N, C-alpha and C. Protein backbone atom coordinates (compact mmCIF):
# COMPACT_ATOMS: atom_id res chain seq x y z
N UNK A 1 -11.80 -11.81 -13.65
CA UNK A 1 -11.50 -10.71 -13.77
C UNK A 1 -10.79 -10.04 -12.50
N UNK A 2 -9.74 -9.67 -12.25
CA UNK A 2 -9.00 -9.28 -11.01
C UNK A 2 -8.77 -7.87 -11.09
N UNK A 3 -9.24 -7.08 -10.27
CA UNK A 3 -8.87 -5.52 -10.17
C UNK A 3 -8.61 -5.23 -8.97
N UNK A 4 -7.48 -4.47 -8.59
CA UNK A 4 -6.81 -3.66 -7.53
C UNK A 4 -6.80 -1.87 -7.99
N UNK A 5 -7.91 -1.83 -7.23
CA UNK A 5 -8.31 0.19 -7.24
C UNK A 5 -7.59 1.11 -6.27
N UNK A 6 -6.61 1.92 -6.41
CA UNK A 6 -5.99 2.70 -5.27
C UNK A 6 -6.95 3.76 -5.58
N UNK A 7 -6.81 4.42 -4.05
CA UNK A 7 -7.48 5.99 -4.15
C UNK A 7 -6.93 6.71 -2.75
N UNK A 8 -7.20 7.61 -2.64
CA UNK A 8 -6.37 8.56 -1.34
C UNK A 8 -5.36 9.29 -1.65
N UNK A 9 -4.81 9.09 -2.54
CA UNK A 9 -3.86 9.87 -3.20
C UNK A 9 -4.20 11.12 -3.29
N UNK A 10 -2.82 12.10 -3.03
CA UNK A 10 -3.02 13.61 -3.31
C UNK A 10 -1.67 14.32 -2.86
N UNK A 11 -1.79 15.43 -2.59
CA UNK A 11 -0.94 16.61 -2.51
C UNK A 11 -1.41 17.00 -0.72
N UNK A 12 -0.13 16.83 -0.05
CA UNK A 12 -0.13 17.00 1.66
C UNK A 12 1.56 17.88 1.87
N UNK A 13 1.04 18.76 2.78
CA UNK A 13 2.30 19.47 3.46
C UNK A 13 3.18 18.58 4.47
N UNK A 14 4.57 18.83 4.47
CA UNK A 14 5.11 17.73 5.58
C UNK A 14 4.38 17.81 6.68
N UNK A 15 4.36 16.86 7.39
CA UNK A 15 3.75 16.64 8.74
C UNK A 15 2.56 16.36 8.80
N UNK A 16 1.81 16.40 7.74
CA UNK A 16 0.09 15.89 7.39
C UNK A 16 0.05 14.58 7.02
N UNK A 17 -1.11 14.05 6.94
CA UNK A 17 -1.47 12.89 7.26
C UNK A 17 -2.27 12.40 5.82
N UNK A 18 -2.18 11.39 5.44
CA UNK A 18 -3.18 10.76 3.83
C UNK A 18 -3.86 9.28 4.74
N UNK A 19 -4.58 8.53 3.94
CA UNK A 19 -5.15 7.71 4.60
C UNK A 19 -5.64 6.96 2.71
N UNK A 20 -4.86 5.89 2.36
CA UNK A 20 -4.79 5.12 0.85
C UNK A 20 -5.78 3.80 1.20
N UNK A 21 -6.51 3.54 0.13
CA UNK A 21 -7.26 2.63 -0.08
C UNK A 21 -6.80 1.66 -1.11
N UNK A 22 -7.06 0.35 -0.95
CA UNK A 22 -7.11 -0.62 -2.09
C UNK A 22 -7.97 -1.44 -2.23
N UNK A 23 -9.32 -1.33 -3.13
CA UNK A 23 -10.39 -2.25 -3.13
C UNK A 23 -9.70 -2.93 -4.06
N UNK A 24 -10.44 -4.38 -3.14
CA UNK A 24 -9.74 -5.71 -4.69
C UNK A 24 -11.09 -6.35 -4.92
N UNK A 25 -11.47 -7.16 -6.50
CA UNK A 25 -11.83 -7.67 -6.88
C UNK A 25 -11.49 -9.12 -7.51
N UNK A 26 -12.34 -9.53 -7.69
CA UNK A 26 -11.87 -11.02 -8.55
C UNK A 26 -10.87 -12.11 -8.09
N UNK A 27 -10.78 -11.78 -6.78
CA UNK A 27 -10.05 -12.92 -5.99
C UNK A 27 -10.75 -13.23 -4.31
N UNK A 28 -10.43 -14.25 -3.72
CA UNK A 28 -10.85 -14.49 -2.35
C UNK A 28 -9.50 -13.99 -1.79
N UNK A 29 -9.97 -12.39 -0.99
CA UNK A 29 -9.25 -11.83 -0.86
C UNK A 29 -8.64 -11.79 0.82
N UNK A 30 -9.36 -12.63 1.31
CA UNK A 30 -8.60 -13.25 2.79
C UNK A 30 -7.55 -14.07 2.56
N UNK A 31 -7.45 -14.84 1.52
CA UNK A 31 -6.46 -15.71 1.02
C UNK A 31 -5.27 -15.39 0.86
N UNK A 32 -5.33 -14.10 0.68
CA UNK A 32 -3.78 -13.36 -0.09
C UNK A 32 -3.09 -12.30 0.58
N UNK A 33 -2.04 -12.14 0.50
CA UNK A 33 -0.96 -11.37 1.33
C UNK A 33 -0.95 -10.33 0.57
N UNK A 34 -1.29 -8.85 1.07
CA UNK A 34 -1.48 -7.56 0.56
C UNK A 34 0.03 -6.33 0.94
N UNK A 35 -0.14 -5.90 -0.20
CA UNK A 35 1.50 -5.18 0.22
C UNK A 35 0.90 -4.10 -0.33
N UNK A 36 2.15 -3.03 0.31
CA UNK A 36 1.68 -1.65 -0.37
C UNK A 36 3.52 -1.31 -0.80
N UNK A 37 3.64 -1.05 -2.47
CA UNK A 37 4.92 -0.67 -2.55
C UNK A 37 4.92 1.23 -2.95
N UNK A 38 6.13 1.53 -3.28
CA UNK A 38 5.94 2.58 -3.87
C UNK A 38 7.30 3.04 -4.52
N UNK A 39 6.86 3.99 -5.60
CA UNK A 39 8.51 4.05 -6.55
C UNK A 39 8.71 5.60 -6.69
N UNK A 40 9.52 6.30 -6.26
CA UNK A 40 10.02 7.63 -6.29
C UNK A 40 10.58 7.75 -7.41
N UNK A 41 10.48 9.28 -8.02
CA UNK A 41 11.60 9.36 -9.37
C UNK A 41 13.08 9.25 -8.83
N UNK A 42 13.36 8.29 -10.55
CA UNK A 42 15.13 8.05 -10.07
C UNK A 42 15.16 6.56 -9.41
N UNK A 43 14.03 6.31 -8.73
CA UNK A 43 14.34 5.31 -7.68
C UNK A 43 13.21 3.96 -8.10
N UNK A 44 14.12 2.64 -7.73
CA UNK A 44 13.34 1.12 -7.88
C UNK A 44 12.18 1.13 -6.99
N UNK A 45 11.29 0.78 -7.19
CA UNK A 45 10.11 0.42 -6.34
C UNK A 45 10.15 -0.54 -5.51
N UNK A 46 9.74 0.19 -4.10
CA UNK A 46 10.39 -0.79 -3.07
C UNK A 46 9.15 -1.10 -2.00
N UNK A 47 9.26 -2.16 -1.50
CA UNK A 47 7.94 -2.76 -0.55
C UNK A 47 8.18 -1.44 0.56
N UNK A 48 7.12 -1.14 0.81
CA UNK A 48 6.55 -0.17 2.13
C UNK A 48 6.13 -0.96 3.13
N UNK A 49 5.26 -1.49 2.80
CA UNK A 49 4.60 -2.68 3.85
C UNK A 49 3.66 -3.96 3.40
N UNK A 50 3.83 -4.81 3.94
CA UNK A 50 2.94 -6.19 3.71
C UNK A 50 1.92 -6.64 4.79
N UNK A 51 1.09 -7.12 4.73
CA UNK A 51 0.08 -7.85 5.78
C UNK A 51 -0.55 -9.20 4.85
N UNK A 52 -0.34 -10.02 5.75
CA UNK A 52 -0.77 -11.35 5.41
C UNK A 52 -1.94 -11.71 5.85
N UNK A 53 -2.44 -12.61 5.03
CA UNK A 53 -3.69 -13.26 5.45
C UNK A 53 -3.78 -13.50 6.74
N UNK A 54 -2.96 -13.65 7.85
CA UNK A 54 -3.27 -14.12 8.96
C UNK A 54 -2.66 -12.68 10.11
N UNK A 55 -2.79 -11.56 9.35
CA UNK A 55 -2.26 -10.25 9.91
C UNK A 55 -1.15 -10.27 10.23
N UNK A 56 -0.05 -10.69 10.15
CA UNK A 56 1.32 -10.46 10.27
C UNK A 56 1.75 -9.51 9.16
N UNK A 57 2.48 -8.66 9.46
CA UNK A 57 3.02 -7.33 9.22
C UNK A 57 4.13 -7.09 8.97
N UNK A 58 4.99 -6.29 8.25
CA UNK A 58 6.23 -5.78 7.70
C UNK A 58 6.33 -4.71 7.11
N UNK A 59 7.16 -3.94 7.87
CA UNK A 59 7.38 -2.35 7.31
C UNK A 59 8.94 -2.31 7.01
N UNK A 60 9.03 -1.52 5.85
CA UNK A 60 10.78 -1.17 6.07
C UNK A 60 10.74 0.18 6.92
N UNK A 61 11.87 -0.08 7.04
CA UNK A 61 12.38 0.64 8.53
C UNK A 61 11.92 2.34 8.32
N UNK A 62 12.10 2.82 6.93
CA UNK A 62 12.02 4.29 7.00
C UNK A 62 10.57 4.84 7.12
N UNK A 63 9.84 4.02 7.61
CA UNK A 63 8.13 4.21 7.91
C UNK A 63 7.81 3.77 9.09
N UNK A 64 8.56 3.34 9.81
CA UNK A 64 7.96 2.50 10.98
C UNK A 64 7.60 3.31 12.05
N UNK A 65 6.64 3.91 12.60
CA UNK A 65 6.07 4.21 13.58
C UNK A 65 5.04 5.49 13.19
N UNK A 66 5.02 5.92 11.61
CA UNK A 66 4.54 6.66 11.43
C UNK A 66 3.40 6.17 10.03
N UNK A 67 3.73 4.86 9.77
CA UNK A 67 2.69 4.55 8.56
C UNK A 67 2.16 2.94 9.32
N UNK A 68 0.66 2.94 9.16
CA UNK A 68 0.10 1.50 9.89
C UNK A 68 -0.71 1.07 8.53
N UNK A 69 -0.68 -0.16 8.27
CA UNK A 69 -1.49 -0.93 7.68
C UNK A 69 -2.76 -1.85 8.06
N UNK A 70 -3.42 -1.88 7.24
CA UNK A 70 -4.72 -2.83 8.04
C UNK A 70 -5.54 -3.38 6.88
N UNK A 71 -6.12 -4.51 7.08
CA UNK A 71 -7.30 -4.84 5.93
C UNK A 71 -8.46 -5.15 6.60
N UNK A 72 -9.55 -4.96 5.78
CA UNK A 72 -10.59 -5.16 6.39
C UNK A 72 -11.27 -6.34 5.33
N UNK A 73 -11.25 -7.45 5.65
CA UNK A 73 -11.68 -8.39 4.65
C UNK A 73 -13.23 -8.75 4.06
N UNK A 74 -14.39 -8.22 5.11
CA UNK A 74 -15.07 -8.17 4.73
C UNK A 74 -15.60 -7.05 3.26
N UNK A 75 -15.06 -5.97 3.60
CA UNK A 75 -14.63 -5.10 2.20
C UNK A 75 -13.90 -5.28 0.87
N UNK A 76 -12.88 -6.13 1.24
CA UNK A 76 -11.77 -6.52 0.45
C UNK A 76 -11.19 -5.10 0.21
N UNK A 77 -10.68 -4.84 0.99
CA UNK A 77 -9.83 -3.30 0.88
C UNK A 77 -8.91 -3.31 2.06
N UNK A 78 -7.59 -3.14 1.25
CA UNK A 78 -6.38 -2.81 2.69
C UNK A 78 -6.17 -1.24 2.70
N UNK A 79 -5.61 -0.68 3.64
CA UNK A 79 -5.81 0.56 3.96
C UNK A 79 -4.35 0.87 4.24
N UNK A 80 -3.82 1.76 4.13
CA UNK A 80 -2.35 2.76 4.31
C UNK A 80 -2.70 3.97 5.24
N UNK A 81 -2.83 4.04 6.35
CA UNK A 81 -2.71 5.10 7.08
C UNK A 81 -1.00 5.80 6.86
N UNK A 82 -0.58 6.96 6.69
CA UNK A 82 0.19 7.81 6.63
C UNK A 82 0.48 8.75 7.49
N UNK A 83 0.90 9.23 8.42
CA UNK A 83 0.99 10.28 9.50
C UNK A 83 2.39 10.87 9.36
N UNK A 84 2.78 11.88 9.81
CA UNK A 84 3.99 12.35 9.71
C UNK A 84 4.84 12.81 8.59
N UNK A 85 3.92 12.95 7.51
CA UNK A 85 4.44 12.72 6.23
C UNK A 85 5.93 13.93 5.88
N UNK A 86 6.96 13.08 5.44
CA UNK A 86 7.89 13.74 5.27
C UNK A 86 8.28 13.78 3.48
N UNK A 87 9.17 15.01 3.25
CA UNK A 87 9.26 14.82 1.45
C UNK A 87 9.61 13.78 0.70
N UNK A 88 10.53 13.20 1.65
CA UNK A 88 11.24 12.09 1.13
C UNK A 88 9.48 10.70 0.62
N UNK A 89 8.81 10.90 0.99
CA UNK A 89 7.41 9.73 1.02
C UNK A 89 6.94 9.97 -0.32
N UNK A 90 7.46 11.43 -0.97
CA UNK A 90 6.95 11.44 -2.29
C UNK A 90 6.85 10.29 -3.21
N UNK A 91 6.16 9.81 -4.05
CA UNK A 91 5.94 8.63 -4.67
C UNK A 91 4.79 8.43 -5.25
N UNK A 92 4.97 7.25 -6.34
CA UNK A 92 3.53 6.58 -6.63
C UNK A 92 3.28 5.32 -5.71
N UNK A 93 2.49 5.25 -5.42
CA UNK A 93 1.94 4.05 -4.32
C UNK A 93 1.14 2.87 -5.08
N UNK A 94 1.77 1.63 -5.04
CA UNK A 94 0.83 0.77 -5.65
C UNK A 94 0.51 -0.26 -4.64
N UNK A 95 -0.71 -0.50 -4.76
CA UNK A 95 -0.99 -1.89 -4.06
C UNK A 95 -0.90 -3.09 -4.79
N UNK A 96 -0.45 -4.34 -3.88
CA UNK A 96 -0.10 -5.40 -4.84
C UNK A 96 -0.99 -6.82 -3.74
N UNK A 97 -1.55 -7.80 -4.64
CA UNK A 97 -1.94 -9.22 -4.19
C UNK A 97 -0.95 -10.20 -4.46
N UNK A 98 -0.52 -10.77 -3.63
CA UNK A 98 -0.24 -12.35 -3.74
C UNK A 98 -0.43 -13.39 -3.23
N UNK A 99 -0.36 -14.46 -3.66
CA UNK A 99 -0.07 -15.65 -3.00
C UNK A 99 0.05 -16.63 -1.87
N UNK A 100 1.05 -15.57 -1.38
CA UNK A 100 2.51 -16.25 -0.40
C UNK A 100 1.66 -17.62 0.33
N UNK A 101 2.06 -18.91 0.50
CA UNK A 101 3.73 -19.09 0.14
C UNK A 101 3.54 -19.48 -1.36
N UNK A 102 2.86 -19.60 -2.21
CA UNK A 102 2.82 -20.54 -3.42
C UNK A 102 3.39 -19.44 -4.59
N UNK A 103 3.46 -18.26 -4.49
CA UNK A 103 4.04 -17.24 -5.54
C UNK A 103 3.65 -17.64 -7.23
N UNK A 104 2.31 -18.00 -7.24
CA UNK A 104 1.78 -18.66 -8.55
C UNK A 104 1.17 -17.21 -8.99
N UNK A 105 0.51 -16.69 -8.28
CA UNK A 105 -0.15 -15.51 -8.79
C UNK A 105 0.29 -13.98 -8.34
N UNK A 106 0.33 -12.93 -9.02
CA UNK A 106 0.89 -11.66 -8.50
C UNK A 106 0.02 -10.85 -9.34
N UNK A 107 -0.95 -9.82 -8.34
CA UNK A 107 -1.66 -8.61 -9.00
C UNK A 107 -1.53 -7.31 -8.45
N UNK A 108 -1.37 -6.40 -9.33
CA UNK A 108 -1.20 -4.83 -9.18
C UNK A 108 -2.02 -3.92 -9.40
N UNK A 109 -1.69 -2.95 -8.69
CA UNK A 109 -3.08 -1.71 -8.95
C UNK A 109 -2.72 -0.76 -9.81
N UNK A 110 -3.19 0.28 -10.29
CA UNK A 110 -2.39 1.30 -11.21
C UNK A 110 -1.92 2.50 -10.54
N UNK A 111 -1.70 2.49 -9.43
CA UNK A 111 -0.80 3.45 -8.79
C UNK A 111 -1.78 4.52 -8.22
N UNK A 112 -1.06 5.31 -7.12
CA UNK A 112 -1.91 6.70 -6.55
C UNK A 112 -0.34 7.47 -6.31
N UNK A 113 -0.81 9.06 -7.02
CA UNK A 113 0.35 9.73 -6.54
C UNK A 113 0.11 10.32 -5.23
N UNK A 114 1.38 10.36 -4.28
CA UNK A 114 1.27 11.16 -3.05
C UNK A 114 2.70 12.03 -3.30
N UNK A 115 1.93 13.05 -3.18
CA UNK A 115 3.01 14.08 -2.99
C UNK A 115 3.41 15.46 -1.60
N UNK A 116 4.33 15.14 -1.36
CA UNK A 116 4.10 15.85 -0.04
C UNK A 116 5.31 16.81 -0.18
N UNK A 117 4.61 18.26 -0.28
CA UNK A 117 5.67 19.16 -0.92
C UNK A 117 5.32 20.52 0.75
N UNK A 118 6.77 21.19 0.32
CA UNK A 118 7.14 22.32 1.56
C UNK A 118 6.43 23.36 1.01
C-alpha cells in the first residue's frame, strides 16, 4: 500500500511563508524522484519542482529564488519551503513520486490547499 500525505497548507498573506510536507509510505523512498505540482483554478497542473534520488533539483522559473525543496530520506519525507508568497501561488499543491528513469510507477498525494490572500 503506497501513500503520500501532504500537510502544511493554509491561508497566508502576500509576502508570507509556508512549509509543506509530504510523508511517503509503501515505497523505497530513497530510490524515487519526488516532485511538487500545483493546480490553480482554471489552469492545468504544473510541475513546481522535482528532486531526484541524487539530490538534483529543477524549479519552474516563477518560483526560483523563493521556493526550496528538500528531502529527508531517514523520515521518508519531502518538503517545500515557500517564501515571499504571491497571490499567483494560490493553488492545490500535490506531492508526486516516480521511479525515473523507468517511468513504470507514479504515485500522487491527495493535495493540500495554499491560499495567498491580500
